[in-house]
């Protein structure tokens, strides 16, 4: 499963390389198993809606930054105190990635992302 996920993530990286998106960064010594394939775009909510309308199961896995979670309210953090974290949380979108995802299905995801971006 991990090998299939790695192959699909590498394929996303290749197929989306020229798009106006922030793609996942992987350090040279790392070998992730790609539980999620997360891109970033300031148009996250509109892209999510467009993909979901086409039956593409993209999603937002971590919409609320840790410092704003109710469990950490006692620490007293407020919105605006960690702007980078908040921006990342507001722009992250997980594209479909699972071992059985076919190249044709992945091509459809990429085509939908490109169509949304006008690329």
C-alpha atoms as a PDB file:
ATOM      1  CA  UNK A   1       0.000   0.000   0.000  1.00  0.00           C
ATOM      2  CA  UNK A   2       2.763   2.417   0.871  1.00  0.00           C
ATOM      3  CA  UNK A   3       4.487   1.817  -2.464  1.00  0.00           C
ATOM      4  CA  UNK A   4       1.220   2.496  -4.321  1.00  0.00           C
ATOM      5  CA  UNK A   5       0.665   5.699  -2.336  1.00  0.00           C
ATOM      6  CA  UNK A   6       4.227   6.832  -3.042  1.00  0.00           C
ATOM      7  CA  UNK A   7       3.773   6.217  -6.761  1.00  0.00           C
ATOM      8  CA  UNK A   8       0.504   8.164  -6.808  1.00  0.00           C
ATOM      9  CA  UNK A   9       1.988  11.059  -4.806  1.00  0.00           C
ATOM     10  CA  UNK A  10       4.937  11.241  -7.209  1.00  0.00           C
ATOM     11  CA  UNK A  11       2.473  11.254 -10.086  1.00  0.00           C
ATOM     12  CA  UNK A  12       0.465  14.115  -8.500  1.00  0.00           C
ATOM     13  CA  UNK A  13       3.738  16.012  -8.043  1.00  0.00           C
ATOM     14  CA  UNK A  14       4.563  15.549 -11.716  1.00  0.00           C
ATOM     15  CA  UNK A  15       1.077  16.287 -13.077  1.00  0.00           C
ATOM     16  CA  UNK A  16       0.529  19.377 -10.901  1.00  0.00           C
ATOM     17  CA  UNK A  17       4.071  20.772 -10.955  1.00  0.00           C
ATOM     18  CA  UNK A  18       3.231  23.718 -13.204  1.00  0.00           C
ATOM     19  CA  UNK A  19      -0.024  24.660 -11.453  1.00  0.00           C
ATOM     20  CA  UNK A  20      -0.484  27.652  -9.185  1.00  0.00           C
ATOM     21  CA  UNK A  21      -0.606  25.508  -6.067  1.00  0.00           C
ATOM     22  CA  UNK A  22       1.680  24.830  -3.149  1.00  0.00           C
ATOM     23  CA  UNK A  23       2.543  21.141  -3.396  1.00  0.00           C
ATOM     24  CA  UNK A  24       3.800  19.024  -0.504  1.00  0.00           C
ATOM     25  CA  UNK A  25       7.469  19.392   0.373  1.00  0.00           C
ATOM     26  CA  UNK A  26       9.446  16.280   1.189  1.00  0.00           C
ATOM     27  CA  UNK A  27      12.965  16.467   2.573  1.00  0.00           C
ATOM     28  CA  UNK A  28      15.552  14.471   0.631  1.00  0.00           C
ATOM     29  CA  UNK A  29      16.119  11.948   3.428  1.00  0.00           C
ATOM     30  CA  UNK A  30      12.398  11.389   4.051  1.00  0.00           C
ATOM     31  CA  UNK A  31      10.257   8.592   2.663  1.00  0.00           C
ATOM     32  CA  UNK A  32       6.638   9.444   3.535  1.00  0.00           C
ATOM     33  CA  UNK A  33       3.831   6.922   3.274  1.00  0.00           C
ATOM     34  CA  UNK A  34       1.441   9.619   2.011  1.00  0.00           C
ATOM     35  CA  UNK A  35      -1.489   9.119   4.342  1.00  0.00           C
ATOM     36  CA  UNK A  36      -2.766  12.335   2.734  1.00  0.00           C
ATOM     37  CA  UNK A  37      -1.774  14.325  -0.342  1.00  0.00           C
ATOM     38  CA  UNK A  38      -2.293  17.929   0.744  1.00  0.00           C
ATOM     39  CA  UNK A  39      -2.042  20.904  -1.588  1.00  0.00           C
ATOM     40  CA  UNK A  40      -2.456  24.558  -0.659  1.00  0.00           C
ATOM     41  CA  UNK A  41      -4.369  27.261  -2.479  1.00  0.00           C
ATOM     42  CA  UNK A  42      -6.000  30.514  -1.364  1.00  0.00           C
ATOM     43  CA  UNK A  43      -9.029  29.320  -3.351  1.00  0.00           C
ATOM     44  CA  UNK A  44      -9.340  26.176  -1.213  1.00  0.00           C
ATOM     45  CA  UNK A  45     -13.068  26.378  -0.432  1.00  0.00           C
ATOM     46  CA  UNK A  46     -14.089  27.112  -4.023  1.00  0.00           C
ATOM     47  CA  UNK A  47     -11.831  24.350  -5.362  1.00  0.00           C
ATOM     48  CA  UNK A  48     -13.193  21.908  -2.785  1.00  0.00           C
ATOM     49  CA  UNK A  49     -16.745  22.749  -3.814  1.00  0.00           C
ATOM     50  CA  UNK A  50     -15.911  22.378  -7.522  1.00  0.00           C
ATOM     51  CA  UNK A  51     -14.276  18.986  -6.966  1.00  0.00           C
ATOM     52  CA  UNK A  52     -17.072  17.713  -4.736  1.00  0.00           C
ATOM     53  CA  UNK A  53     -19.681  18.796  -7.318  1.00  0.00           C
ATOM     54  CA  UNK A  54     -17.915  16.512  -9.787  1.00  0.00           C
ATOM     55  CA  UNK A  55     -18.004  13.601  -7.365  1.00  0.00           C
ATOM     56  CA  UNK A  56     -14.333  13.922  -6.433  1.00  0.00           C
ATOM     57  CA  UNK A  57     -13.820  13.201  -2.758  1.00  0.00           C
ATOM     58  CA  UNK A  58     -11.394  15.945  -1.820  1.00  0.00           C
ATOM     59  CA  UNK A  59     -11.561  17.171   1.750  1.00  0.00           C
ATOM     60  CA  UNK A  60     -10.245  19.375   4.509  1.00  0.00           C
ATOM     61  CA  UNK A  61      -8.775  17.275   7.281  1.00  0.00           C
ATOM     62  CA  UNK A  62      -7.511  19.904   9.721  1.00  0.00           C
ATOM     63  CA  UNK A  63      -9.577  23.083   9.297  1.00  0.00           C
ATOM     64  CA  UNK A  64      -8.993  24.495  12.797  1.00  0.00           C
ATOM     65  CA  UNK A  65      -5.418  25.230  13.883  1.00  0.00           C
ATOM     66  CA  UNK A  66      -4.315  23.483  17.048  1.00  0.00           C
ATOM     67  CA  UNK A  67      -4.007  26.680  19.080  1.00  0.00           C
ATOM     68  CA  UNK A  68      -7.681  27.482  18.349  1.00  0.00           C
ATOM     69  CA  UNK A  69      -9.044  24.043  19.253  1.00  0.00           C
ATOM     70  CA  UNK A  70     -11.444  24.030  22.219  1.00  0.00           C
ATOM     71  CA  UNK A  71      -9.178  21.592  24.077  1.00  0.00           C
ATOM     72  CA  UNK A  72      -6.486  24.272  24.183  1.00  0.00           C
ATOM     73  CA  UNK A  73      -8.697  27.263  24.978  1.00  0.00           C
ATOM     74  CA  UNK A  74      -7.249  27.386  28.494  1.00  0.00           C
ATOM     75  CA  UNK A  75      -3.924  28.479  26.966  1.00  0.00           C
ATOM     76  CA  UNK A  76      -5.531  31.752  25.909  1.00  0.00           C
ATOM     77  CA  UNK A  77      -4.513  31.890  22.266  1.00  0.00           C
ATOM     78  CA  UNK A  78      -6.668  33.974  19.941  1.00  0.00           C
ATOM     79  CA  UNK A  79      -7.114  34.138  16.204  1.00  0.00           C
ATOM     80  CA  UNK A  80      -4.335  36.187  14.659  1.00  0.00           C
ATOM     81  CA  UNK A  81      -1.633  35.157  17.099  1.00  0.00           C
ATOM     82  CA  UNK A  82      -0.230  32.440  14.825  1.00  0.00           C
ATOM     83  CA  UNK A  83      -0.837  33.833  11.337  1.00  0.00           C
ATOM     84  CA  UNK A  84       1.229  31.277   9.417  1.00  0.00           C
ATOM     85  CA  UNK A  85      -0.504  28.364  11.115  1.00  0.00           C
ATOM     86  CA  UNK A  86      -3.878  29.968  10.482  1.00  0.00           C
ATOM     87  CA  UNK A  87      -3.082  30.585   6.811  1.00  0.00           C
ATOM     88  CA  UNK A  88      -1.987  26.986   6.323  1.00  0.00           C
ATOM     89  CA  UNK A  89      -5.168  25.719   7.976  1.00  0.00           C
ATOM     90  CA  UNK A  90      -7.279  27.956   5.724  1.00  0.00           C
ATOM     91  CA  UNK A  91      -5.582  26.902   2.481  1.00  0.00           C
ATOM     92  CA  UNK A  92      -4.953  23.137   2.837  1.00  0.00           C
ATOM     93  CA  UNK A  93      -6.907  20.682   0.697  1.00  0.00           C
ATOM     94  CA  UNK A  94      -6.472  16.912   0.606  1.00  0.00           C
ATOM     95  CA  UNK A  95      -6.791  15.339  -2.825  1.00  0.00           C
ATOM     96  CA  UNK A  96      -7.942  11.728  -3.162  1.00  0.00           C
ATOM     97  CA  UNK A  97      -5.102   9.321  -2.449  1.00  0.00           C
ATOM     98  CA  UNK A  98      -5.549   5.652  -1.677  1.00  0.00           C
ATOM     99  CA  UNK A  99      -3.711   2.559  -2.934  1.00  0.00           C
ATOM    100  CA  UNK A 100      -6.493   1.503  -5.307  1.00  0.00           C
ATOM    101  CA  UNK A 101      -6.759   4.913  -7.025  1.00  0.00           C
ATOM    102  CA  UNK A 102      -6.298   4.240 -10.727  1.00  0.00           C
ATOM    103  CA  UNK A 103      -4.261   6.413 -13.044  1.00  0.00           C
ATOM    104  CA  UNK A 104      -7.477   7.263 -14.902  1.00  0.00           C
ATOM    105  CA  UNK A 105      -9.164   8.382 -11.674  1.00  0.00           C
ATOM    106  CA  UNK A 106      -6.119  10.432 -10.727  1.00  0.00           C
ATOM    107  CA  UNK A 107      -6.064  11.953 -14.206  1.00  0.00           C
ATOM    108  CA  UNK A 108      -9.694  13.018 -13.665  1.00  0.00           C
ATOM    109  CA  UNK A 109      -8.770  14.689 -10.362  1.00  0.00           C
ATOM    110  CA  UNK A 110      -5.869  16.517 -11.998  1.00  0.00           C
ATOM    111  CA  UNK A 111      -8.032  17.569 -14.955  1.00  0.00           C
ATOM    112  CA  UNK A 112     -10.670  18.965 -12.578  1.00  0.00           C
ATOM    113  CA  UNK A 113      -8.050  20.884 -10.568  1.00  0.00           C
ATOM    114  CA  UNK A 114      -6.523  22.278 -13.761  1.00  0.00           C
ATOM    115  CA  UNK A 115      -9.922  23.240 -15.154  1.00  0.00           C
ATOM    116  CA  UNK A 116     -10.749  25.089 -11.934  1.00  0.00           C
ATOM    117  CA  UNK A 117      -7.427  26.941 -12.047  1.00  0.00           C
ATOM    118  CA  UNK A 118      -7.779  27.643 -15.756  1.00  0.00           C
ATOM    119  CA  UNK A 119      -4.565  25.779 -16.429  1.00  0.00           C
END
